[in-house]
Amino acid sequence: MSAESFGAQMPAVLTLDDLASMAAADPHGHRYEMSPEGVLSVMPPAGVAHTIIASKLLAWFLAAGWAAEQVLQNCGLLTAVPDGAGGRVPDLTVWSTAPSAELVWAPLDGLLLAVEIVSRGSEAIDHIIKKDEYAKAGIPRYWTVDRDNANTVTMWELVAGSYAQVALSPQPLAWVLNSELAQQLR
């Protein structure tokens, strides 16, 4: 499909249902997100290095005793803020109780942590825009994993409506995976 025909078929105002339909129909596995202001983001499928990082974090949480239903990869989040509602798809989410399996865009009830693995080109979105948006939405913890040589993990905790960096971060991913930090989210 050409860009022209794609644009011609685009609705005047996108909804989260539209995003879910676009993702379901996409044969290439793109990830579709929308900010509360209505800004559409289309990302290519994650590369192998990206998915290895997500898998290591997932395995770390599972090994610490979290149930598979509580640690989810690529779970759609309904990020409602005073300005509107958006839909984001973090690389990993950790929940006190699993969200309903029937939903495409899960409300944030029970969400403890959202993790974004920073891809090349998404640094400003993950470090600034999503950090601000997730704080406004009330997500208690937000981690970013940079794609530098150490896969540096920076951990943020919600304090009085904005994120404060956790004292032990940033740390290399290898350090995080050898720590007991997964227990602190309970």
N, C-alpha and C. Protein backbone atom coordinates (compact mmCIF):
# COMPACT_ATOMS: atom_id res chain seq x y z
N MET A 1 0.85 -1.17 0.00
CA MET A 1 0.00 0.00 0.00
C MET A 1 0.90 1.23 0.00
N SER A 2 0.58 2.18 -0.83
CA SER A 2 1.35 3.41 -0.89
C SER A 2 0.97 4.32 0.26
N ALA A 3 1.83 5.27 0.56
CA ALA A 3 1.54 6.24 1.62
C ALA A 3 0.28 7.03 1.30
N GLU A 4 0.08 7.31 0.01
CA GLU A 4 -1.11 8.08 -0.38
C GLU A 4 -2.39 7.31 -0.08
N SER A 5 -2.43 6.03 -0.43
CA SER A 5 -3.65 5.27 -0.18
C SER A 5 -3.85 5.02 1.31
N PHE A 6 -2.75 4.87 2.05
CA PHE A 6 -2.85 4.71 3.50
C PHE A 6 -3.46 5.97 4.11
N GLY A 7 -2.96 7.13 3.71
CA GLY A 7 -3.48 8.40 4.22
C GLY A 7 -4.93 8.63 3.84
N ALA A 8 -5.31 8.21 2.64
CA ALA A 8 -6.69 8.41 2.18
C ALA A 8 -7.67 7.55 2.97
N GLN A 9 -7.19 6.42 3.50
CA GLN A 9 -8.06 5.53 4.26
C GLN A 9 -8.06 5.84 5.76
N MET A 10 -7.22 6.76 6.18
CA MET A 10 -7.11 7.10 7.60
C MET A 10 -8.34 7.86 8.05
N PRO A 11 -8.94 7.47 9.18
CA PRO A 11 -10.10 8.23 9.68
C PRO A 11 -9.68 9.63 10.11
N ALA A 12 -10.64 10.54 10.14
CA ALA A 12 -10.35 11.93 10.52
C ALA A 12 -9.82 12.01 11.95
N VAL A 13 -10.37 11.23 12.83
CA VAL A 13 -9.92 11.17 14.23
C VAL A 13 -9.69 9.71 14.57
N LEU A 14 -8.47 9.40 15.00
CA LEU A 14 -8.13 8.02 15.37
C LEU A 14 -8.61 7.71 16.79
N THR A 15 -9.08 6.50 16.98
CA THR A 15 -9.44 6.01 18.31
C THR A 15 -8.52 4.85 18.66
N LEU A 16 -8.54 4.45 19.91
CA LEU A 16 -7.75 3.29 20.31
C LEU A 16 -8.27 2.02 19.65
N ASP A 17 -9.56 1.96 19.36
CA ASP A 17 -10.09 0.82 18.61
C ASP A 17 -9.50 0.78 17.20
N ASP A 18 -9.32 1.97 16.58
CA ASP A 18 -8.69 2.04 15.27
C ASP A 18 -7.26 1.50 15.34
N LEU A 19 -6.53 1.88 16.38
CA LEU A 19 -5.16 1.40 16.54
C LEU A 19 -5.12 -0.11 16.68
N ALA A 20 -6.03 -0.65 17.48
CA ALA A 20 -6.07 -2.11 17.66
C ALA A 20 -6.37 -2.80 16.33
N SER A 21 -7.27 -2.24 15.54
CA SER A 21 -7.60 -2.82 14.23
C SER A 21 -6.41 -2.73 13.28
N MET A 22 -5.71 -1.59 13.30
CA MET A 22 -4.54 -1.43 12.44
C MET A 22 -3.46 -2.44 12.80
N ALA A 23 -3.22 -2.62 14.10
CA ALA A 23 -2.21 -3.57 14.54
C ALA A 23 -2.60 -5.00 14.16
N ALA A 24 -3.87 -5.34 14.33
CA ALA A 24 -4.33 -6.69 14.00
C ALA A 24 -4.21 -6.98 12.51
N ALA A 25 -4.40 -5.96 11.67
CA ALA A 25 -4.35 -6.15 10.22
C ALA A 25 -2.95 -6.01 9.64
N ASP A 26 -1.99 -5.57 10.44
CA ASP A 26 -0.64 -5.30 9.95
C ASP A 26 0.14 -6.60 9.76
N PRO A 27 0.49 -6.95 8.52
CA PRO A 27 1.21 -8.20 8.29
C PRO A 27 2.68 -8.13 8.69
N HIS A 28 3.17 -6.92 9.03
CA HIS A 28 4.59 -6.74 9.32
C HIS A 28 4.89 -6.63 10.81
N GLY A 29 3.86 -6.63 11.66
CA GLY A 29 4.09 -6.60 13.10
C GLY A 29 4.46 -5.25 13.67
N HIS A 30 4.09 -4.16 12.99
CA HIS A 30 4.37 -2.84 13.54
C HIS A 30 3.64 -2.65 14.86
N ARG A 31 4.18 -1.79 15.70
CA ARG A 31 3.54 -1.43 16.97
C ARG A 31 2.93 -0.04 16.79
N TYR A 32 1.66 0.08 17.15
CA TYR A 32 0.93 1.34 17.00
C TYR A 32 0.64 1.91 18.39
N GLU A 33 1.00 3.17 18.59
CA GLU A 33 0.73 3.86 19.85
C GLU A 33 0.14 5.23 19.54
N MET A 34 -0.57 5.77 20.54
CA MET A 34 -1.13 7.11 20.38
C MET A 34 -1.00 7.86 21.70
N SER A 35 -0.48 9.07 21.63
CA SER A 35 -0.37 9.90 22.83
C SER A 35 -1.76 10.40 23.21
N PRO A 36 -1.93 10.88 24.44
CA PRO A 36 -3.23 11.44 24.83
C PRO A 36 -3.64 12.63 23.96
N GLU A 37 -2.68 13.28 23.32
CA GLU A 37 -2.98 14.40 22.43
C GLU A 37 -3.39 13.94 21.04
N GLY A 38 -3.32 12.63 20.78
CA GLY A 38 -3.72 12.09 19.50
C GLY A 38 -2.60 11.90 18.50
N VAL A 39 -1.34 11.99 18.94
CA VAL A 39 -0.20 11.80 18.05
C VAL A 39 0.02 10.31 17.83
N LEU A 40 -0.04 9.89 16.58
CA LEU A 40 0.14 8.48 16.20
C LEU A 40 1.62 8.17 16.03
N SER A 41 2.06 7.07 16.62
CA SER A 41 3.42 6.58 16.44
C SER A 41 3.33 5.16 15.89
N VAL A 42 4.10 4.90 14.85
CA VAL A 42 4.17 3.57 14.26
C VAL A 42 5.63 3.14 14.32
N MET A 43 5.89 2.04 15.02
CA MET A 43 7.25 1.56 15.17
C MET A 43 7.40 0.21 14.49
N PRO A 44 8.58 -0.05 13.93
CA PRO A 44 8.81 -1.36 13.33
C PRO A 44 8.90 -2.43 14.42
N PRO A 45 8.79 -3.69 14.05
CA PRO A 45 8.95 -4.75 15.05
C PRO A 45 10.31 -4.63 15.73
N ALA A 46 10.38 -5.04 16.98
CA ALA A 46 11.64 -4.98 17.72
C ALA A 46 12.66 -5.93 17.10
N GLY A 47 13.92 -5.52 17.15
CA GLY A 47 15.00 -6.36 16.67
C GLY A 47 15.36 -7.44 17.69
N VAL A 48 16.24 -8.33 17.30
CA VAL A 48 16.61 -9.46 18.15
C VAL A 48 17.24 -8.99 19.46
N ALA A 49 18.18 -8.03 19.41
CA ALA A 49 18.83 -7.56 20.64
C ALA A 49 17.80 -6.98 21.60
N HIS A 50 16.84 -6.26 21.07
CA HIS A 50 15.77 -5.65 21.86
C HIS A 50 14.95 -6.74 22.56
N THR A 51 14.57 -7.77 21.83
CA THR A 51 13.74 -8.83 22.40
C THR A 51 14.52 -9.70 23.39
N ILE A 52 15.82 -9.82 23.20
CA ILE A 52 16.64 -10.56 24.17
C ILE A 52 16.62 -9.84 25.52
N ILE A 53 16.76 -8.51 25.50
CA ILE A 53 16.71 -7.74 26.75
C ILE A 53 15.36 -7.94 27.44
N ALA A 54 14.28 -7.84 26.68
CA ALA A 54 12.94 -8.04 27.25
C ALA A 54 12.80 -9.44 27.82
N SER A 55 13.31 -10.44 27.13
CA SER A 55 13.22 -11.82 27.61
C SER A 55 14.02 -12.03 28.89
N LYS A 56 15.20 -11.41 28.98
CA LYS A 56 16.01 -11.52 30.20
C LYS A 56 15.27 -10.91 31.40
N LEU A 57 14.67 -9.75 31.19
CA LEU A 57 13.92 -9.12 32.28
C LEU A 57 12.70 -9.97 32.66
N LEU A 58 12.00 -10.49 31.68
CA LEU A 58 10.85 -11.35 31.94
C LEU A 58 11.27 -12.57 32.76
N ALA A 59 12.35 -13.22 32.35
CA ALA A 59 12.84 -14.41 33.06
C ALA A 59 13.26 -14.06 34.49
N TRP A 60 13.84 -12.88 34.67
CA TRP A 60 14.27 -12.42 36.00
C TRP A 60 13.07 -12.27 36.94
N PHE A 61 12.01 -11.65 36.45
CA PHE A 61 10.81 -11.51 37.28
C PHE A 61 10.17 -12.87 37.57
N LEU A 62 10.11 -13.73 36.58
CA LEU A 62 9.53 -15.06 36.79
C LEU A 62 10.35 -15.86 37.81
N ALA A 63 11.68 -15.76 37.71
CA ALA A 63 12.55 -16.47 38.65
C ALA A 63 12.39 -15.93 40.08
N ALA A 64 11.98 -14.67 40.20
CA ALA A 64 11.77 -14.06 41.52
C ALA A 64 10.40 -14.41 42.09
N GLY A 65 9.62 -15.20 41.36
CA GLY A 65 8.34 -15.66 41.89
C GLY A 65 7.11 -14.96 41.35
N TRP A 66 7.28 -14.06 40.42
CA TRP A 66 6.12 -13.41 39.82
C TRP A 66 5.44 -14.38 38.87
N ALA A 67 4.12 -14.36 38.83
CA ALA A 67 3.36 -15.22 37.93
C ALA A 67 3.44 -14.69 36.50
N ALA A 68 3.38 -15.58 35.54
CA ALA A 68 3.44 -15.17 34.13
C ALA A 68 2.34 -14.18 33.78
N GLU A 69 1.19 -14.28 34.44
CA GLU A 69 0.08 -13.35 34.18
C GLU A 69 0.34 -11.96 34.73
N GLN A 70 1.37 -11.83 35.58
CA GLN A 70 1.69 -10.53 36.17
C GLN A 70 2.81 -9.81 35.43
N VAL A 71 3.56 -10.50 34.60
CA VAL A 71 4.69 -9.91 33.88
C VAL A 71 4.41 -10.10 32.39
N LEU A 72 4.04 -9.01 31.73
CA LEU A 72 3.55 -9.11 30.36
C LEU A 72 4.43 -8.31 29.40
N GLN A 73 4.69 -8.89 28.24
CA GLN A 73 5.40 -8.18 27.18
C GLN A 73 4.38 -7.57 26.22
N ASN A 74 4.64 -6.34 25.82
CA ASN A 74 3.84 -5.66 24.78
C ASN A 74 2.35 -5.61 25.10
N CYS A 75 2.02 -5.32 26.34
CA CYS A 75 0.62 -5.18 26.76
C CYS A 75 0.18 -3.74 26.53
N GLY A 76 -0.92 -3.56 25.82
CA GLY A 76 -1.45 -2.22 25.57
C GLY A 76 -1.96 -1.58 26.85
N LEU A 77 -1.57 -0.33 27.09
CA LEU A 77 -2.00 0.41 28.27
C LEU A 77 -2.87 1.59 27.87
N LEU A 78 -3.94 1.78 28.58
CA LEU A 78 -4.80 2.95 28.41
C LEU A 78 -4.23 4.04 29.31
N THR A 79 -3.56 5.02 28.71
CA THR A 79 -2.91 6.07 29.49
C THR A 79 -3.80 7.31 29.53
N ALA A 80 -4.72 7.30 30.47
CA ALA A 80 -5.64 8.43 30.62
C ALA A 80 -4.99 9.50 31.48
N VAL A 81 -4.94 10.71 30.95
CA VAL A 81 -4.41 11.88 31.66
C VAL A 81 -5.44 12.99 31.54
N PRO A 82 -5.27 14.09 32.28
CA PRO A 82 -6.26 15.17 32.19
C PRO A 82 -6.50 15.69 30.77
N ASP A 83 -5.50 15.60 29.89
CA ASP A 83 -5.62 16.12 28.52
C ASP A 83 -6.33 15.16 27.58
N GLY A 84 -6.52 13.91 27.97
CA GLY A 84 -7.14 12.93 27.08
C GLY A 84 -6.65 11.54 27.41
N ALA A 85 -6.93 10.61 26.52
CA ALA A 85 -6.51 9.22 26.73
C ALA A 85 -5.71 8.76 25.53
N GLY A 86 -4.63 8.06 25.82
CA GLY A 86 -3.79 7.51 24.77
C GLY A 86 -3.63 6.02 24.98
N GLY A 87 -2.90 5.41 24.09
CA GLY A 87 -2.60 3.99 24.19
C GLY A 87 -1.12 3.77 23.94
N ARG A 88 -0.45 3.20 24.90
CA ARG A 88 0.98 2.90 24.79
C ARG A 88 1.19 1.40 24.94
N VAL A 89 2.30 0.91 24.39
CA VAL A 89 2.61 -0.52 24.45
C VAL A 89 4.05 -0.67 24.95
N PRO A 90 4.26 -0.61 26.27
CA PRO A 90 5.62 -0.78 26.80
C PRO A 90 6.15 -2.17 26.48
N ASP A 91 7.47 -2.30 26.51
CA ASP A 91 8.09 -3.59 26.23
C ASP A 91 7.76 -4.62 27.31
N LEU A 92 7.62 -4.16 28.55
CA LEU A 92 7.33 -5.06 29.65
C LEU A 92 6.50 -4.31 30.69
N THR A 93 5.52 -4.99 31.27
CA THR A 93 4.75 -4.42 32.37
C THR A 93 4.67 -5.45 33.49
N VAL A 94 4.63 -4.94 34.73
CA VAL A 94 4.52 -5.80 35.90
C VAL A 94 3.29 -5.35 36.68
N TRP A 95 2.45 -6.31 37.05
CA TRP A 95 1.14 -6.04 37.65
C TRP A 95 1.01 -6.71 39.01
N SER A 96 0.28 -6.07 39.93
CA SER A 96 -0.04 -6.72 41.21
C SER A 96 -1.08 -7.81 40.97
N THR A 97 -2.03 -7.55 40.08
CA THR A 97 -2.99 -8.54 39.62
C THR A 97 -3.09 -8.40 38.10
N ALA A 98 -3.25 -9.51 37.44
CA ALA A 98 -3.26 -9.50 35.98
C ALA A 98 -4.45 -8.70 35.45
N PRO A 99 -4.24 -7.92 34.38
CA PRO A 99 -5.38 -7.24 33.76
C PRO A 99 -6.25 -8.26 33.02
N SER A 100 -7.44 -7.86 32.68
CA SER A 100 -8.36 -8.75 31.97
C SER A 100 -7.78 -9.15 30.62
N ALA A 101 -7.80 -10.44 30.35
CA ALA A 101 -7.28 -10.95 29.08
C ALA A 101 -8.17 -10.57 27.90
N GLU A 102 -9.36 -10.07 28.18
CA GLU A 102 -10.32 -9.70 27.13
C GLU A 102 -10.03 -8.32 26.54
N LEU A 103 -9.18 -7.54 27.19
CA LEU A 103 -8.95 -6.16 26.78
C LEU A 103 -7.76 -6.03 25.84
N VAL A 104 -7.82 -5.06 24.94
CA VAL A 104 -6.66 -4.69 24.13
C VAL A 104 -5.88 -3.60 24.85
N TRP A 105 -6.59 -2.64 25.43
CA TRP A 105 -5.97 -1.51 26.14
C TRP A 105 -6.34 -1.63 27.61
N ALA A 106 -5.40 -2.10 28.42
CA ALA A 106 -5.66 -2.35 29.83
C ALA A 106 -5.65 -1.05 30.63
N PRO A 107 -6.63 -0.87 31.52
CA PRO A 107 -6.56 0.25 32.44
C PRO A 107 -5.38 0.04 33.39
N LEU A 108 -4.96 1.07 34.07
CA LEU A 108 -3.73 1.02 34.86
C LEU A 108 -3.92 0.46 36.26
N ASP A 109 -5.13 0.06 36.62
CA ASP A 109 -5.37 -0.53 37.94
C ASP A 109 -4.48 -1.75 38.12
N GLY A 110 -3.69 -1.76 39.17
CA GLY A 110 -2.83 -2.90 39.45
C GLY A 110 -1.49 -2.87 38.74
N LEU A 111 -1.25 -1.88 37.89
CA LEU A 111 0.05 -1.79 37.21
C LEU A 111 1.09 -1.26 38.18
N LEU A 112 2.20 -1.96 38.32
CA LEU A 112 3.27 -1.56 39.21
C LEU A 112 4.44 -0.92 38.48
N LEU A 113 4.71 -1.39 37.26
CA LEU A 113 5.91 -0.98 36.55
C LEU A 113 5.71 -1.07 35.05
N ALA A 114 6.20 -0.06 34.34
CA ALA A 114 6.29 -0.10 32.87
C ALA A 114 7.76 0.01 32.51
N VAL A 115 8.22 -0.82 31.58
CA VAL A 115 9.61 -0.83 31.14
C VAL A 115 9.65 -0.56 29.64
N GLU A 116 10.47 0.40 29.25
CA GLU A 116 10.72 0.68 27.84
C GLU A 116 12.18 0.40 27.54
N ILE A 117 12.43 -0.42 26.54
CA ILE A 117 13.78 -0.65 26.04
C ILE A 117 13.97 0.36 24.93
N VAL A 118 14.94 1.23 25.10
CA VAL A 118 15.10 2.38 24.22
C VAL A 118 15.73 1.95 22.90
N SER A 119 14.99 2.14 21.83
CA SER A 119 15.50 1.84 20.49
C SER A 119 16.17 3.07 19.92
N ARG A 120 17.06 2.85 18.99
CA ARG A 120 17.70 3.98 18.32
C ARG A 120 16.63 4.81 17.63
N GLY A 121 16.64 6.10 17.92
CA GLY A 121 15.65 6.99 17.34
C GLY A 121 14.48 7.28 18.26
N SER A 122 14.32 6.48 19.33
CA SER A 122 13.20 6.71 20.25
C SER A 122 13.66 7.28 21.59
N GLU A 123 14.90 7.72 21.66
CA GLU A 123 15.45 8.19 22.94
C GLU A 123 14.60 9.31 23.55
N ALA A 124 14.28 10.33 22.78
CA ALA A 124 13.51 11.46 23.32
C ALA A 124 12.11 11.02 23.73
N ILE A 125 11.51 10.15 22.95
CA ILE A 125 10.16 9.68 23.29
C ILE A 125 10.18 8.90 24.60
N ASP A 126 11.12 7.95 24.73
CA ASP A 126 11.15 7.10 25.92
C ASP A 126 11.65 7.83 27.16
N HIS A 127 12.66 8.69 27.01
CA HIS A 127 13.25 9.37 28.16
C HIS A 127 12.49 10.61 28.61
N ILE A 128 11.77 11.25 27.71
CA ILE A 128 11.10 12.51 28.06
C ILE A 128 9.59 12.39 27.94
N ILE A 129 9.10 12.10 26.75
CA ILE A 129 7.65 12.13 26.51
C ILE A 129 6.93 11.05 27.30
N LYS A 130 7.36 9.80 27.17
CA LYS A 130 6.68 8.71 27.89
C LYS A 130 6.88 8.84 29.40
N LYS A 131 8.05 9.29 29.82
CA LYS A 131 8.28 9.47 31.26
C LYS A 131 7.27 10.47 31.82
N ASP A 132 7.06 11.57 31.14
CA ASP A 132 6.09 12.58 31.59
C ASP A 132 4.66 12.04 31.50
N GLU A 133 4.34 11.38 30.40
CA GLU A 133 2.99 10.83 30.21
C GLU A 133 2.67 9.75 31.24
N TYR A 134 3.61 8.85 31.49
CA TYR A 134 3.37 7.78 32.46
C TYR A 134 3.22 8.35 33.87
N ALA A 135 3.99 9.38 34.19
CA ALA A 135 3.84 10.01 35.51
C ALA A 135 2.46 10.65 35.64
N LYS A 136 2.03 11.37 34.62
CA LYS A 136 0.70 12.00 34.65
C LYS A 136 -0.41 10.95 34.76
N ALA A 137 -0.18 9.79 34.16
CA ALA A 137 -1.18 8.71 34.21
C ALA A 137 -1.16 7.97 35.55
N GLY A 138 -0.12 8.21 36.37
CA GLY A 138 -0.05 7.60 37.70
C GLY A 138 0.61 6.24 37.75
N ILE A 139 1.43 5.89 36.77
CA ILE A 139 2.14 4.61 36.79
C ILE A 139 3.22 4.70 37.88
N PRO A 140 3.17 3.81 38.89
CA PRO A 140 4.05 3.95 40.06
C PRO A 140 5.55 3.91 39.76
N ARG A 141 5.97 3.07 38.80
CA ARG A 141 7.40 2.95 38.49
C ARG A 141 7.58 2.86 36.97
N TYR A 142 8.69 3.44 36.53
CA TYR A 142 9.03 3.44 35.11
C TYR A 142 10.52 3.19 34.99
N TRP A 143 10.90 2.21 34.18
CA TRP A 143 12.30 1.91 33.93
C TRP A 143 12.58 2.08 32.44
N THR A 144 13.75 2.63 32.14
CA THR A 144 14.23 2.64 30.76
C THR A 144 15.50 1.80 30.71
N VAL A 145 15.65 1.07 29.62
CA VAL A 145 16.87 0.28 29.39
C VAL A 145 17.49 0.82 28.12
N ASP A 146 18.64 1.49 28.28
CA ASP A 146 19.33 2.04 27.11
C ASP A 146 20.07 0.95 26.38
N ARG A 147 20.25 1.15 25.09
CA ARG A 147 20.93 0.16 24.25
C ARG A 147 22.40 0.51 24.11
N ASP A 148 23.04 0.94 25.20
CA ASP A 148 24.47 1.18 25.21
C ASP A 148 25.18 -0.15 25.48
N ASN A 149 26.51 -0.10 25.65
CA ASN A 149 27.25 -1.35 25.86
C ASN A 149 26.82 -2.10 27.12
N ALA A 150 26.40 -1.37 28.15
CA ALA A 150 26.01 -2.00 29.42
C ALA A 150 24.50 -2.24 29.51
N ASN A 151 23.73 -1.80 28.50
CA ASN A 151 22.27 -1.84 28.60
C ASN A 151 21.83 -1.22 29.93
N THR A 152 22.21 0.04 30.12
CA THR A 152 21.98 0.76 31.37
C THR A 152 20.50 0.90 31.69
N VAL A 153 20.14 0.49 32.91
CA VAL A 153 18.76 0.56 33.39
C VAL A 153 18.64 1.76 34.32
N THR A 154 17.73 2.67 34.01
CA THR A 154 17.43 3.79 34.88
C THR A 154 16.03 3.57 35.44
N MET A 155 15.91 3.66 36.75
CA MET A 155 14.66 3.36 37.44
C MET A 155 14.08 4.64 38.03
N TRP A 156 12.79 4.83 37.81
CA TRP A 156 12.08 6.00 38.30
C TRP A 156 10.92 5.54 39.16
N GLU A 157 10.63 6.31 40.22
CA GLU A 157 9.49 6.03 41.09
C GLU A 157 8.65 7.29 41.20
N LEU A 158 7.34 7.11 41.17
CA LEU A 158 6.41 8.24 41.22
C LEU A 158 6.38 8.83 42.63
N VAL A 159 6.69 10.12 42.72
CA VAL A 159 6.68 10.84 43.99
C VAL A 159 5.97 12.16 43.76
N ALA A 160 4.84 12.35 44.40
CA ALA A 160 4.07 13.60 44.30
C ALA A 160 3.79 13.99 42.85
N GLY A 161 3.40 13.01 42.04
CA GLY A 161 2.97 13.29 40.68
C GLY A 161 4.04 13.36 39.62
N SER A 162 5.31 13.20 40.00
CA SER A 162 6.38 13.17 39.00
C SER A 162 7.40 12.10 39.40
N TYR A 163 8.24 11.72 38.46
CA TYR A 163 9.18 10.65 38.72
C TYR A 163 10.46 11.18 39.35
N ALA A 164 10.93 10.45 40.37
CA ALA A 164 12.23 10.69 40.98
C ALA A 164 13.08 9.46 40.71
N GLN A 165 14.34 9.70 40.36
CA GLN A 165 15.23 8.57 40.07
C GLN A 165 15.52 7.79 41.34
N VAL A 166 15.44 6.47 41.25
CA VAL A 166 15.73 5.59 42.38
C VAL A 166 17.22 5.65 42.67
N ALA A 167 17.57 5.65 43.96
CA ALA A 167 18.95 5.85 44.38
C ALA A 167 19.93 4.85 43.77
N LEU A 168 19.52 3.61 43.58
CA LEU A 168 20.43 2.59 43.06
C LEU A 168 20.61 2.64 41.55
N SER A 169 19.96 3.55 40.88
CA SER A 169 20.07 3.56 39.42
C SER A 169 20.74 4.85 38.97
N PRO A 170 21.29 4.87 37.77
CA PRO A 170 21.29 3.80 36.77
C PRO A 170 22.33 2.73 37.07
N GLN A 171 22.03 1.54 36.57
CA GLN A 171 22.91 0.39 36.73
C GLN A 171 22.92 -0.41 35.43
N PRO A 172 24.01 -1.14 35.18
CA PRO A 172 24.02 -2.03 34.01
C PRO A 172 22.96 -3.13 34.17
N LEU A 173 22.41 -3.57 33.07
CA LEU A 173 21.40 -4.63 33.10
C LEU A 173 21.93 -5.87 33.83
N ALA A 174 23.19 -6.22 33.61
CA ALA A 174 23.76 -7.41 34.26
C ALA A 174 23.69 -7.27 35.78
N TRP A 175 23.93 -6.07 36.32
CA TRP A 175 23.83 -5.85 37.77
C TRP A 175 22.39 -6.04 38.22
N VAL A 176 21.45 -5.46 37.48
CA VAL A 176 20.03 -5.57 37.83
C VAL A 176 19.61 -7.03 37.87
N LEU A 177 20.01 -7.79 36.86
CA LEU A 177 19.59 -9.19 36.76
C LEU A 177 20.20 -10.07 37.86
N ASN A 178 21.26 -9.58 38.50
CA ASN A 178 21.88 -10.32 39.61
C ASN A 178 21.48 -9.76 40.96
N SER A 179 20.48 -8.90 41.00
CA SER A 179 20.04 -8.28 42.25
C SER A 179 18.70 -8.86 42.69
N GLU A 180 18.26 -8.43 43.85
CA GLU A 180 16.97 -8.86 44.40
C GLU A 180 15.89 -7.80 44.17
N LEU A 181 16.11 -6.87 43.26
CA LEU A 181 15.18 -5.76 43.09
C LEU A 181 13.77 -6.19 42.69
N ALA A 182 13.64 -7.32 42.04
CA ALA A 182 12.30 -7.77 41.63
C ALA A 182 11.40 -7.95 42.85
N GLN A 183 11.98 -8.24 44.00
CA GLN A 183 11.19 -8.42 45.22
C GLN A 183 10.62 -7.09 45.72
N GLN A 184 11.26 -5.97 45.40
CA GLN A 184 10.83 -4.67 45.91
C GLN A 184 9.51 -4.20 45.31
N LEU A 185 9.07 -4.78 44.23
CA LEU A 185 7.84 -4.33 43.59
C LEU A 185 6.60 -4.93 44.22
N ARG A 186 6.74 -5.91 45.06
CA ARG A 186 5.58 -6.60 45.66
C ARG A 186 4.84 -5.68 46.59
